[in-house]
Amino acid sequence: MNSFISWIGGKKLLRKKILEQFPEQESFNRYIEVFGGAGWVLFSRDKHAPMEVFNDVNGELINLYRIVKYHPEALQNELEWLLMSREQFFDELNKNTRGMTDIQRAARFFCVIKESFGTNLHTFGVCLKDIRKAVHYLKEVSDRLKRVVIENQDFEQLIKTYDRPDALFYLDPPYYEAEKYYPDRFNPEDHERLRKCLGNIKGKFVLSYNDCQQIRDLYKGYTIIEVDRIDNLVIKNVSRKYKELIIKNFE
């Protein structure tokens, strides 16, 4: 199934290539997405493992996921008013969330995600979207998330909590030298902190990154697979390809 939202750095176009690098499903009993975002890899299978964990450091995003999981009908009712509207978008964007219920906060954030340009969360996107269909889809998403533990932790704490020999971690951190484009704080030194953390785990990991020499040097000694990603913004019928890396600690 597809994700119910888009998110910066989403893996819709790369999920098949990422899944090709996963170990056999019988070889791991817990699956953990550390930098969840839109969850394209999570949603790409009905079930990755008996235990599944979805994490993101963005509290508003995780509140949305939890409301979709536990209260989809209430969220749908809250979104009955939603239109593809510039006025509604900026009204929701500029609202003070103090005093809102979790369901109201989730509805507001869903609107901002769906109606912002490129999911930048601050500019209205002038494009055609079937908002009614998107709201109706939330019930299907809720059914998928019923088997998933949803966390809101720093990546290092999360990895330490769920690490086991039978664990598979999938990680899609902010890309190197593109940290400022992500909605949450991720410092250049966090790339090294992540590398150090992954160097000490008992389980397996699959890691997505942009192809640059700094990341190749940082993960020297690990299995590194080069992949091409087609740019989803096609200008004047000219498609562009970008090099990305999939990094693993197993063959």
C-alpha atoms as a PDB file:
ATOM      1  CA  MET A   1       0.000   0.000   0.000  1.00  0.00           C
ATOM      2  CA  ASN A   2       1.032   3.633  -0.313  1.00  0.00           C
ATOM      3  CA  SER A   3       1.753   6.122   2.420  1.00  0.00           C
ATOM      4  CA  PHE A   4      -1.009   8.534   3.369  1.00  0.00           C
ATOM      5  CA  ILE A   5       1.314  11.570   3.291  1.00  0.00           C
ATOM      6  CA  SER A   6       4.413  12.838   1.575  1.00  0.00           C
ATOM      7  CA  TRP A   7       7.529  13.985   3.464  1.00  0.00           C
ATOM      8  CA  ILE A   8      10.840  15.496   2.502  1.00  0.00           C
ATOM      9  CA  GLY A   9      13.261  12.768   1.450  1.00  0.00           C
ATOM     10  CA  GLY A  10      10.438  10.218   1.090  1.00  0.00           C
ATOM     11  CA  LYS A  11      11.380   6.866  -0.435  1.00  0.00           C
ATOM     12  CA  LYS A  12       8.436   6.283  -2.764  1.00  0.00           C
ATOM     13  CA  LEU A  13      10.728   6.013  -5.799  1.00  0.00           C
ATOM     14  CA  LEU A  14      13.408   3.920  -4.101  1.00  0.00           C
ATOM     15  CA  ARG A  15      11.424   1.551  -1.900  1.00  0.00           C
ATOM     16  CA  LYS A  16      11.665  -1.422  -4.279  1.00  0.00           C
ATOM     17  CA  LYS A  17      15.453  -1.122  -4.496  1.00  0.00           C
ATOM     18  CA  ILE A  18      15.667  -0.746  -0.722  1.00  0.00           C
ATOM     19  CA  LEU A  19      13.553  -3.855  -0.147  1.00  0.00           C
ATOM     20  CA  GLU A  20      15.808  -5.796  -2.509  1.00  0.00           C
ATOM     21  CA  GLN A  21      18.651  -5.225  -0.035  1.00  0.00           C
ATOM     22  CA  PHE A  22      16.708  -6.494   2.976  1.00  0.00           C
ATOM     23  CA  PRO A  23      17.682  -9.911   4.354  1.00  0.00           C
ATOM     24  CA  GLU A  24      15.233 -12.806   4.159  1.00  0.00           C
ATOM     25  CA  GLN A  25      12.193 -12.029   6.303  1.00  0.00           C
ATOM     26  CA  GLU A  26      12.651 -15.240   8.279  1.00  0.00           C
ATOM     27  CA  SER A  27      16.041 -13.974   9.488  1.00  0.00           C
ATOM     28  CA  PHE A  28      14.673 -11.142  11.661  1.00  0.00           C
ATOM     29  CA  ASN A  29      11.799 -10.947  14.152  1.00  0.00           C
ATOM     30  CA  ARG A  30      11.675  -7.196  14.724  1.00  0.00           C
ATOM     31  CA  TYR A  31      11.707  -4.387  12.189  1.00  0.00           C
ATOM     32  CA  ILE A  32      12.464  -0.794  13.200  1.00  0.00           C
ATOM     33  CA  GLU A  33      12.169   2.340  11.060  1.00  0.00           C
ATOM     34  CA  VAL A  34      14.324   4.899  12.830  1.00  0.00           C
ATOM     35  CA  PHE A  35      13.642   8.041  10.757  1.00  0.00           C
ATOM     36  CA  GLY A  36      10.037   7.336   9.833  1.00  0.00           C
ATOM     37  CA  GLY A  37       8.815  10.316   7.817  1.00  0.00           C
ATOM     38  CA  ALA A  38       6.180   9.194   5.322  1.00  0.00           C
ATOM     39  CA  GLY A  39       6.907   5.519   6.023  1.00  0.00           C
ATOM     40  CA  TRP A  40       7.047   4.414   2.380  1.00  0.00           C
ATOM     41  CA  VAL A  41       9.157   1.373   3.217  1.00  0.00           C
ATOM     42  CA  LEU A  42       6.963   0.415   6.171  1.00  0.00           C
ATOM     43  CA  PHE A  43       3.795   0.597   4.070  1.00  0.00           C
ATOM     44  CA  SER A  44       5.368  -1.302   1.163  1.00  0.00           C
ATOM     45  CA  ARG A  45       4.607  -4.634   2.870  1.00  0.00           C
ATOM     46  CA  ASP A  46       1.613  -5.841   4.823  1.00  0.00           C
ATOM     47  CA  LYS A  47       4.011  -7.008   7.514  1.00  0.00           C
ATOM     48  CA  HIS A  48       7.795  -6.885   7.777  1.00  0.00           C
ATOM     49  CA  ALA A  49       8.201  -8.844  11.017  1.00  0.00           C
ATOM     50  CA  PRO A  50       6.203 -10.044  14.044  1.00  0.00           C
ATOM     51  CA  MET A  51       7.264  -6.839  15.812  1.00  0.00           C
ATOM     52  CA  GLU A  52       7.320  -3.524  13.932  1.00  0.00           C
ATOM     53  CA  VAL A  53       8.411  -0.126  15.263  1.00  0.00           C
ATOM     54  CA  PHE A  54       7.973   3.254  13.581  1.00  0.00           C
ATOM     55  CA  ASN A  55       9.836   6.260  14.981  1.00  0.00           C
ATOM     56  CA  ASP A  56      10.316   9.921  14.184  1.00  0.00           C
ATOM     57  CA  VAL A  57      11.659  12.806  16.243  1.00  0.00           C
ATOM     58  CA  ASN A  58       8.961  15.177  14.948  1.00  0.00           C
ATOM     59  CA  GLY A  59       6.285  15.301  17.644  1.00  0.00           C
ATOM     60  CA  GLU A  60       3.538  16.702  15.396  1.00  0.00           C
ATOM     61  CA  LEU A  61       4.145  13.973  12.829  1.00  0.00           C
ATOM     62  CA  ILE A  62       4.040  11.241  15.462  1.00  0.00           C
ATOM     63  CA  ASN A  63       0.865  12.691  16.960  1.00  0.00           C
ATOM     64  CA  LEU A  64      -0.704  12.424  13.495  1.00  0.00           C
ATOM     65  CA  TYR A  65       0.381   8.776  13.180  1.00  0.00           C
ATOM     66  CA  ARG A  66      -0.988   7.908  16.604  1.00  0.00           C
ATOM     67  CA  ILE A  67      -4.337   9.560  15.906  1.00  0.00           C
ATOM     68  CA  VAL A  68      -4.595   7.776  12.551  1.00  0.00           C
ATOM     69  CA  LYS A  69      -3.828   4.498  14.337  1.00  0.00           C
ATOM     70  CA  TYR A  70      -6.224   4.856  17.283  1.00  0.00           C
ATOM     71  CA  HIS A  71      -8.880   7.380  16.185  1.00  0.00           C
ATOM     72  CA  PRO A  72      -9.226   7.384  12.376  1.00  0.00           C
ATOM     73  CA  GLU A  73     -12.957   8.058  12.361  1.00  0.00           C
ATOM     74  CA  ALA A  74     -12.622  10.994  14.755  1.00  0.00           C
ATOM     75  CA  LEU A  75      -9.870  12.444  12.564  1.00  0.00           C
ATOM     76  CA  GLN A  76     -11.990  11.981   9.454  1.00  0.00           C
ATOM     77  CA  ASN A  77     -14.856  13.816  11.147  1.00  0.00           C
ATOM     78  CA  GLU A  78     -12.470  16.615  12.118  1.00  0.00           C
ATOM     79  CA  LEU A  79     -11.373  16.892   8.461  1.00  0.00           C
ATOM     80  CA  GLU A  80     -14.863  17.136   6.975  1.00  0.00           C
ATOM     81  CA  TRP A  81     -14.262  20.837   6.293  1.00  0.00           C
ATOM     82  CA  LEU A  82     -10.971  20.318   4.446  1.00  0.00           C
ATOM     83  CA  LEU A  83     -10.646  21.744   0.936  1.00  0.00           C
ATOM     84  CA  MET A  84      -7.671  22.435  -1.303  1.00  0.00           C
ATOM     85  CA  SER A  85      -7.710  26.078  -0.265  1.00  0.00           C
ATOM     86  CA  ARG A  86      -4.977  28.675   0.137  1.00  0.00           C
ATOM     87  CA  GLU A  87      -7.003  30.444   2.853  1.00  0.00           C
ATOM     88  CA  GLN A  88      -7.525  27.247   4.856  1.00  0.00           C
ATOM     89  CA  PHE A  89      -3.869  26.316   4.499  1.00  0.00           C
ATOM     90  CA  PHE A  90      -2.581  29.588   5.946  1.00  0.00           C
ATOM     91  CA  ASP A  91      -5.285  29.621   8.614  1.00  0.00           C
ATOM     92  CA  GLU A  92      -4.129  26.208   9.831  1.00  0.00           C
ATOM     93  CA  LEU A  93      -0.446  27.021   9.411  1.00  0.00           C
ATOM     94  CA  ASN A  94      -0.703  30.113  11.612  1.00  0.00           C
ATOM     95  CA  LYS A  95      -2.926  28.626  14.313  1.00  0.00           C
ATOM     96  CA  ASN A  96      -1.683  28.527  17.881  1.00  0.00           C
ATOM     97  CA  THR A  97      -1.930  24.841  18.856  1.00  0.00           C
ATOM     98  CA  ARG A  98      -2.107  25.614  22.582  1.00  0.00           C
ATOM     99  CA  GLY A  99      -5.358  24.222  23.936  1.00  0.00           C
ATOM    100  CA  MET A 100      -6.019  21.999  20.935  1.00  0.00           C
ATOM    101  CA  THR A 101      -6.864  18.337  21.433  1.00  0.00           C
ATOM    102  CA  ASP A 102      -4.518  15.766  19.895  1.00  0.00           C
ATOM    103  CA  ILE A 103      -7.151  15.083  17.231  1.00  0.00           C
ATOM    104  CA  GLN A 104      -7.385  18.780  16.340  1.00  0.00           C
ATOM    105  CA  ARG A 105      -3.598  19.012  16.163  1.00  0.00           C
ATOM    106  CA  ALA A 106      -3.492  15.981  13.890  1.00  0.00           C
ATOM    107  CA  ALA A 107      -6.127  17.480  11.581  1.00  0.00           C
ATOM    108  CA  ARG A 108      -4.220  20.754  11.405  1.00  0.00           C
ATOM    109  CA  PHE A 109      -0.918  19.015  10.597  1.00  0.00           C
ATOM    110  CA  PHE A 110      -2.556  16.759   8.001  1.00  0.00           C
ATOM    111  CA  CYS A 111      -3.840  19.881   6.242  1.00  0.00           C
ATOM    112  CA  VAL A 112      -0.426  21.568   6.340  1.00  0.00           C
ATOM    113  CA  ILE A 113       1.318  18.465   4.969  1.00  0.00           C
ATOM    114  CA  LYS A 114      -1.201  17.836   2.218  1.00  0.00           C
ATOM    115  CA  GLU A 115      -1.471  21.416   1.014  1.00  0.00           C
ATOM    116  CA  SER A 116       2.126  22.637   1.284  1.00  0.00           C
ATOM    117  CA  PHE A 117       4.456  22.725  -1.697  1.00  0.00           C
ATOM    118  CA  GLY A 118       6.824  19.749  -1.644  1.00  0.00           C
ATOM    119  CA  THR A 119       5.850  19.138   1.980  1.00  0.00           C
ATOM    120  CA  ASN A 120       7.917  22.146   3.017  1.00  0.00           C
ATOM    121  CA  LEU A 121       5.238  22.941   5.650  1.00  0.00           C
ATOM    122  CA  HIS A 122       5.214  26.679   4.979  1.00  0.00           C
ATOM    123  CA  THR A 123       4.293  27.371   1.322  1.00  0.00           C
ATOM    124  CA  PHE A 124       0.934  26.636  -0.302  1.00  0.00           C
ATOM    125  CA  GLY A 125       1.154  24.071  -3.106  1.00  0.00           C
ATOM    126  CA  VAL A 126      -0.737  25.081  -6.231  1.00  0.00           C
ATOM    127  CA  CYS A 127      -1.615  21.639  -7.574  1.00  0.00           C
ATOM    128  CA  LEU A 128      -4.606  19.346  -7.996  1.00  0.00           C
ATOM    129  CA  LYS A 129      -5.197  16.926  -5.103  1.00  0.00           C
ATOM    130  CA  ASP A 130      -8.175  14.760  -4.221  1.00  0.00           C
ATOM    131  CA  ILE A 131      -8.446  15.693  -0.555  1.00  0.00           C
ATOM    132  CA  ARG A 132     -11.649  13.671  -0.021  1.00  0.00           C
ATOM    133  CA  LYS A 133      -9.907  10.517  -1.239  1.00  0.00           C
ATOM    134  CA  ALA A 134      -6.946  11.205   1.034  1.00  0.00           C
ATOM    135  CA  VAL A 135      -9.210  11.542   4.078  1.00  0.00           C
ATOM    136  CA  HIS A 136     -11.135   8.372   3.198  1.00  0.00           C
ATOM    137  CA  TYR A 137      -7.834   6.454   2.924  1.00  0.00           C
ATOM    138  CA  LEU A 138      -7.032   7.041   6.600  1.00  0.00           C
ATOM    139  CA  LYS A 139      -9.071   4.016   7.701  1.00  0.00           C
ATOM    140  CA  GLU A 140      -6.904   1.682   5.598  1.00  0.00           C
ATOM    141  CA  VAL A 141      -3.803   3.264   7.069  1.00  0.00           C
ATOM    142  CA  SER A 142      -5.181   2.758  10.575  1.00  0.00           C
ATOM    143  CA  ASP A 143      -5.652  -0.953   9.897  1.00  0.00           C
ATOM    144  CA  ARG A 144      -1.997  -1.233   8.814  1.00  0.00           C
ATOM    145  CA  LEU A 145      -0.705   0.687  11.836  1.00  0.00           C
ATOM    146  CA  LYS A 146      -2.584  -1.446  14.373  1.00  0.00           C
ATOM    147  CA  ARG A 147       0.382  -3.852  14.375  1.00  0.00           C
ATOM    148  CA  VAL A 148       3.003  -1.116  14.709  1.00  0.00           C
ATOM    149  CA  VAL A 149       4.601   0.392  17.827  1.00  0.00           C
ATOM    150  CA  ILE A 150       4.862   4.164  17.300  1.00  0.00           C
ATOM    151  CA  GLU A 151       7.728   5.993  19.007  1.00  0.00           C
ATOM    152  CA  ASN A 152       8.939   9.601  19.279  1.00  0.00           C
ATOM    153  CA  GLN A 153      12.595   9.235  20.275  1.00  0.00           C
ATOM    154  CA  ASP A 154      16.061  10.420  19.347  1.00  0.00           C
ATOM    155  CA  PHE A 155      17.614   7.835  17.019  1.00  0.00           C
ATOM    156  CA  GLU A 156      20.372   6.806  19.425  1.00  0.00           C
ATOM    157  CA  GLN A 157      17.994   6.090  22.290  1.00  0.00           C
ATOM    158  CA  LEU A 158      15.618   4.207  19.994  1.00  0.00           C
ATOM    159  CA  ILE A 159      18.358   1.990  18.560  1.00  0.00           C
ATOM    160  CA  LYS A 160      19.641   1.116  22.034  1.00  0.00           C
ATOM    161  CA  THR A 161      16.106   0.250  23.173  1.00  0.00           C
ATOM    162  CA  TYR A 162      15.220  -2.126  20.320  1.00  0.00           C
ATOM    163  CA  ASP A 163      18.593  -3.581  19.362  1.00  0.00           C
ATOM    164  CA  ARG A 164      18.699  -7.384  19.391  1.00  0.00           C
ATOM    165  CA  PRO A 165      20.526  -9.976  17.262  1.00  0.00           C
ATOM    166  CA  ASP A 166      17.230 -10.626  15.426  1.00  0.00           C
ATOM    167  CA  ALA A 167      16.519  -6.907  14.733  1.00  0.00           C
ATOM    168  CA  LEU A 168      16.531  -5.167  11.358  1.00  0.00           C
ATOM    169  CA  PHE A 169      16.843  -1.386  11.387  1.00  0.00           C
ATOM    170  CA  TYR A 170      15.974   0.671   8.344  1.00  0.00           C
ATOM    171  CA  LEU A 171      17.347   4.214   8.525  1.00  0.00           C
ATOM    172  CA  ASP A 172      16.712   7.178   6.251  1.00  0.00           C
ATOM    173  CA  PRO A 173      18.394  10.115   8.026  1.00  0.00           C
ATOM    174  CA  PRO A 174      18.592  13.685   6.703  1.00  0.00           C
ATOM    175  CA  TYR A 175      21.037  13.674   3.829  1.00  0.00           C
ATOM    176  CA  TYR A 176      24.567  15.011   4.199  1.00  0.00           C
ATOM    177  CA  GLU A 177      24.764  18.795   3.636  1.00  0.00           C
ATOM    178  CA  ALA A 178      20.977  18.907   3.145  1.00  0.00           C
ATOM    179  CA  GLU A 179      20.087  19.013   6.845  1.00  0.00           C
ATOM    180  CA  LYS A 180      18.599  22.527   6.664  1.00  0.00           C
ATOM    181  CA  TYR A 181      15.834  21.352   4.328  1.00  0.00           C
ATOM    182  CA  TYR A 182      14.375  18.950   6.896  1.00  0.00           C
ATOM    183  CA  PRO A 183      11.805  20.207   9.430  1.00  0.00           C
ATOM    184  CA  ASP A 184      13.725  18.893  12.446  1.00  0.00           C
ATOM    185  CA  ARG A 185      17.125  19.741  13.805  1.00  0.00           C
ATOM    186  CA  PHE A 186      19.879  17.385  12.609  1.00  0.00           C
ATOM    187  CA  ASN A 187      23.422  18.656  13.010  1.00  0.00           C
ATOM    188  CA  PRO A 188      26.435  17.698  10.851  1.00  0.00           C
ATOM    189  CA  GLU A 189      27.978  15.921  13.857  1.00  0.00           C
ATOM    190  CA  ASP A 190      24.862  13.740  14.113  1.00  0.00           C
ATOM    191  CA  HIS A 191      26.021  11.848  11.024  1.00  0.00           C
ATOM    192  CA  GLU A 192      29.081  10.735  12.990  1.00  0.00           C
ATOM    193  CA  ARG A 193      26.965   9.989  16.056  1.00  0.00           C
ATOM    194  CA  LEU A 194      24.742   7.764  13.910  1.00  0.00           C
ATOM    195  CA  ARG A 195      27.755   5.969  12.404  1.00  0.00           C
ATOM    196  CA  LYS A 196      29.197   5.313  15.866  1.00  0.00           C
ATOM    197  CA  CYS A 197      25.849   4.030  17.139  1.00  0.00           C
ATOM    198  CA  LEU A 198      25.391   1.656  14.198  1.00  0.00           C
ATOM    199  CA  GLY A 199      28.930   0.353  14.629  1.00  0.00           C
ATOM    200  CA  ASN A 200      27.961  -1.107  18.007  1.00  0.00           C
ATOM    201  CA  ILE A 201      24.623  -2.785  17.296  1.00  0.00           C
ATOM    202  CA  LYS A 202      23.878  -6.499  17.530  1.00  0.00           C
ATOM    203  CA  GLY A 203      21.285  -6.499  14.754  1.00  0.00           C
ATOM    204  CA  LYS A 204      21.355  -5.696  11.045  1.00  0.00           C
ATOM    205  CA  PHE A 205      20.847  -2.320   9.421  1.00  0.00           C
ATOM    206  CA  VAL A 206      19.972  -0.966   5.985  1.00  0.00           C
ATOM    207  CA  LEU A 207      20.768   2.724   5.555  1.00  0.00           C
ATOM    208  CA  SER A 208      19.792   5.214   2.803  1.00  0.00           C
ATOM    209  CA  TYR A 209      22.026   8.191   2.013  1.00  0.00           C
ATOM    210  CA  ASN A 210      22.963  10.615  -0.715  1.00  0.00           C
ATOM    211  CA  ASP A 211      26.064   9.622  -2.669  1.00  0.00           C
ATOM    212  CA  CYS A 212      28.938  11.801  -1.514  1.00  0.00           C
ATOM    213  CA  GLN A 213      32.545  11.157  -0.560  1.00  0.00           C
ATOM    214  CA  GLN A 214      32.009  12.105   3.081  1.00  0.00           C
ATOM    215  CA  ILE A 215      29.414   9.354   3.546  1.00  0.00           C
ATOM    216  CA  ARG A 216      31.497   6.835   1.582  1.00  0.00           C
ATOM    217  CA  ASP A 217      34.439   7.580   3.881  1.00  0.00           C
ATOM    218  CA  LEU A 218      32.291   7.455   7.006  1.00  0.00           C
ATOM    219  CA  TYR A 219      30.947   3.985   6.139  1.00  0.00           C
ATOM    220  CA  LYS A 220      34.108   2.549   4.640  1.00  0.00           C
ATOM    221  CA  GLY A 221      34.214  -1.201   5.299  1.00  0.00           C
ATOM    222  CA  TYR A 222      30.442  -1.681   5.048  1.00  0.00           C
ATOM    223  CA  THR A 223      28.527  -2.989   2.034  1.00  0.00           C
ATOM    224  CA  ILE A 224      27.710   0.017  -0.174  1.00  0.00           C
ATOM    225  CA  ILE A 225      25.313  -0.284  -3.119  1.00  0.00           C
ATOM    226  CA  GLU A 226      24.918   2.526  -5.665  1.00  0.00           C
ATOM    227  CA  VAL A 227      21.403   3.191  -6.967  1.00  0.00           C
ATOM    228  CA  ASP A 228      19.839   5.746  -9.283  1.00  0.00           C
ATOM    229  CA  ARG A 229      16.768   7.748  -8.365  1.00  0.00           C
ATOM    230  CA  ILE A 230      14.710   9.598 -10.945  1.00  0.00           C
ATOM    231  CA  ASP A 231      13.847  13.148  -9.932  1.00  0.00           C
ATOM    232  CA  ASN A 232      10.109  13.353  -9.338  1.00  0.00           C
ATOM    233  CA  LEU A 233      10.103  16.995 -10.476  1.00  0.00           C
ATOM    234  CA  VAL A 234      10.259  16.791 -14.264  1.00  0.00           C
ATOM    235  CA  ILE A 235      10.902  20.095 -15.990  1.00  0.00           C
ATOM    236  CA  LYS A 236      10.158  20.524 -19.721  1.00  0.00           C
ATOM    237  CA  ASN A 237       9.890  16.751 -20.193  1.00  0.00           C
ATOM    238  CA  VAL A 238      13.514  16.274 -19.106  1.00  0.00           C
ATOM    239  CA  SER A 239      13.954  13.743 -16.315  1.00  0.00           C
ATOM    240  CA  ARG A 240      17.036  13.805 -14.124  1.00  0.00           C
ATOM    241  CA  LYS A 241      18.692  11.021 -12.168  1.00  0.00           C
ATOM    242  CA  TYR A 242      20.408  11.247  -8.822  1.00  0.00           C
ATOM    243  CA  LYS A 243      22.933   8.849  -7.327  1.00  0.00           C
ATOM    244  CA  GLU A 244      22.083   7.479  -3.906  1.00  0.00           C
ATOM    245  CA  LEU A 245      23.606   4.881  -1.612  1.00  0.00           C
ATOM    246  CA  ILE A 246      22.190   1.903   0.259  1.00  0.00           C
ATOM    247  CA  ILE A 247      24.567   0.852   3.041  1.00  0.00           C
ATOM    248  CA  LYS A 248      24.395  -2.436   4.998  1.00  0.00           C
ATOM    249  CA  ASN A 249      26.315  -4.200   7.745  1.00  0.00           C
ATOM    250  CA  PHE A 250      25.775  -7.609   6.125  1.00  0.00           C
ATOM    251  CA  GLU A 251      26.254  -9.204   2.693  1.00  0.00           C
END
